[in-house]
């Protein structure tokens, strides 16, 4: 689900979703993302009043939070994923032929 759709669902839903559901997880992630953007906005505004290189850094950090980008240099998970992709696809071979086995229903 994209951020735009998630925001629409978040804004249009009345109340909190059920505990432990995927919707609740999406709501919590979206709330956290909105809080991080708001903190970045306030920091960039405060730093801009002081000026200097810190203001530039704060604004760049705010823009990266809003545009959902991050610095991927040195990201070991990204490197591991690239290595797995280079190895090619994973093939799964069934141990037994499932079509010959017919399930039996028990009646109580």
Protein backbone atom coordinates (compact mmCIF):
# COMPACT_ATOMS: atom_id res chain seq x y z
CA UNK A 1 0.00 0.00 0.00
CA UNK A 2 1.45 3.35 -0.95
CA UNK A 3 1.86 6.26 1.45
CA UNK A 4 -0.90 8.24 -0.28
CA UNK A 5 -3.44 5.43 0.08
CA UNK A 6 -2.34 4.74 3.65
CA UNK A 7 -2.89 8.41 4.53
CA UNK A 8 -6.36 8.38 2.98
CA UNK A 9 -7.33 5.24 4.91
CA UNK A 10 -5.86 6.71 8.12
CA UNK A 11 -7.73 10.00 7.72
CA UNK A 12 -11.09 8.48 6.73
CA UNK A 13 -11.27 5.68 9.33
CA UNK A 14 -13.28 6.26 12.49
CA UNK A 15 -11.48 4.99 15.59
CA UNK A 16 -8.66 2.52 15.93
CA UNK A 17 -8.62 -0.84 14.15
CA UNK A 18 -8.67 -4.11 16.05
CA UNK A 19 -5.61 -4.93 18.14
CA UNK A 20 -3.05 -7.14 16.37
CA UNK A 21 -4.36 -6.66 12.83
CA UNK A 22 -2.43 -5.51 9.78
CA UNK A 23 -4.52 -2.33 9.76
CA UNK A 24 -3.35 -1.50 13.26
CA UNK A 25 0.26 -2.02 12.20
CA UNK A 26 -0.25 0.25 9.18
CA UNK A 27 -1.83 2.91 11.41
CA UNK A 28 1.05 2.79 13.88
CA UNK A 29 3.68 2.99 11.13
CA UNK A 30 1.88 5.89 9.49
CA UNK A 31 1.50 7.72 12.80
CA UNK A 32 5.22 7.24 13.50
CA UNK A 33 6.11 8.51 10.01
CA UNK A 34 3.91 11.58 10.45
CA UNK A 35 5.54 12.32 13.82
CA UNK A 36 9.03 12.01 12.32
CA UNK A 37 8.08 14.40 9.51
CA UNK A 38 6.62 16.90 11.98
CA UNK A 39 9.75 16.79 14.16
CA UNK A 40 11.92 17.27 11.07
CA UNK A 41 9.80 20.23 10.00
CA UNK A 42 10.07 21.94 13.41
CA UNK A 43 13.83 21.28 13.55
CA UNK A 44 14.36 22.67 10.04
CA UNK A 45 12.35 25.77 10.92
CA UNK A 46 14.26 26.33 14.17
CA UNK A 47 17.65 25.78 12.54
CA UNK A 48 16.77 28.11 9.66
CA UNK A 49 16.27 30.97 12.12
CA UNK A 50 19.83 30.41 13.37
CA UNK A 51 21.34 29.93 9.91
CA UNK A 52 24.62 28.25 9.10
CA UNK A 53 25.45 24.78 7.87
CA UNK A 54 23.24 23.18 10.54
CA UNK A 55 20.22 24.77 8.87
CA UNK A 56 21.18 23.16 5.56
CA UNK A 57 21.65 19.77 7.21
CA UNK A 58 18.31 20.02 9.01
CA UNK A 59 16.52 20.96 5.79
CA UNK A 60 18.13 18.09 3.87
CA UNK A 61 17.13 15.67 6.64
CA UNK A 62 13.56 17.02 6.55
CA UNK A 63 13.36 16.63 2.76
CA UNK A 64 14.64 13.04 2.98
CA UNK A 65 11.91 12.22 5.53
CA UNK A 66 9.18 13.82 3.42
CA UNK A 67 10.31 12.24 0.16
CA UNK A 68 10.87 8.86 1.85
CA UNK A 69 14.50 8.53 0.80
CA UNK A 70 17.48 7.47 2.86
CA UNK A 71 21.21 7.05 2.56
CA UNK A 72 21.87 3.44 1.56
CA UNK A 73 25.66 3.56 1.69
CA UNK A 74 26.94 0.87 4.02
CA UNK A 75 23.56 -0.78 4.30
CA UNK A 76 24.43 -4.44 4.93
CA UNK A 77 20.85 -5.62 4.35
CA UNK A 78 20.81 -4.07 0.90
CA UNK A 79 24.13 -5.70 0.08
CA UNK A 80 22.87 -9.10 1.28
CA UNK A 81 19.71 -8.75 -0.82
CA UNK A 82 21.77 -7.89 -3.91
CA UNK A 83 23.98 -10.94 -3.32
CA UNK A 84 20.91 -13.20 -3.07
CA UNK A 85 19.48 -11.72 -6.26
CA UNK A 86 22.73 -12.43 -8.11
CA UNK A 87 22.50 -16.12 -7.17
CA UNK A 88 19.29 -16.48 -9.16
CA UNK A 89 15.86 -17.89 -8.39
CA UNK A 90 15.08 -20.46 -5.72
CA UNK A 91 13.28 -23.57 -6.93
CA UNK A 92 11.10 -25.65 -4.64
CA UNK A 93 10.58 -29.33 -5.46
CA UNK A 94 7.73 -31.13 -3.69
CA UNK A 95 8.72 -34.23 -1.73
CA UNK A 96 5.55 -36.16 -2.51
CA UNK A 97 2.98 -35.90 -5.24
CA UNK A 98 0.12 -34.08 -3.55
CA UNK A 99 -2.47 -34.93 -6.22
CA UNK A 100 -2.49 -38.66 -5.33
CA UNK A 101 -3.34 -38.02 -1.70
CA UNK A 102 -7.02 -37.36 -1.09
CA UNK A 103 -8.11 -35.83 2.16
CA UNK A 104 -10.67 -37.73 4.18
CA UNK A 105 -13.27 -35.91 6.20
CA UNK A 106 -14.32 -37.29 9.53
CA UNK A 107 -17.92 -36.96 10.60
CA UNK A 108 -18.76 -36.52 14.20
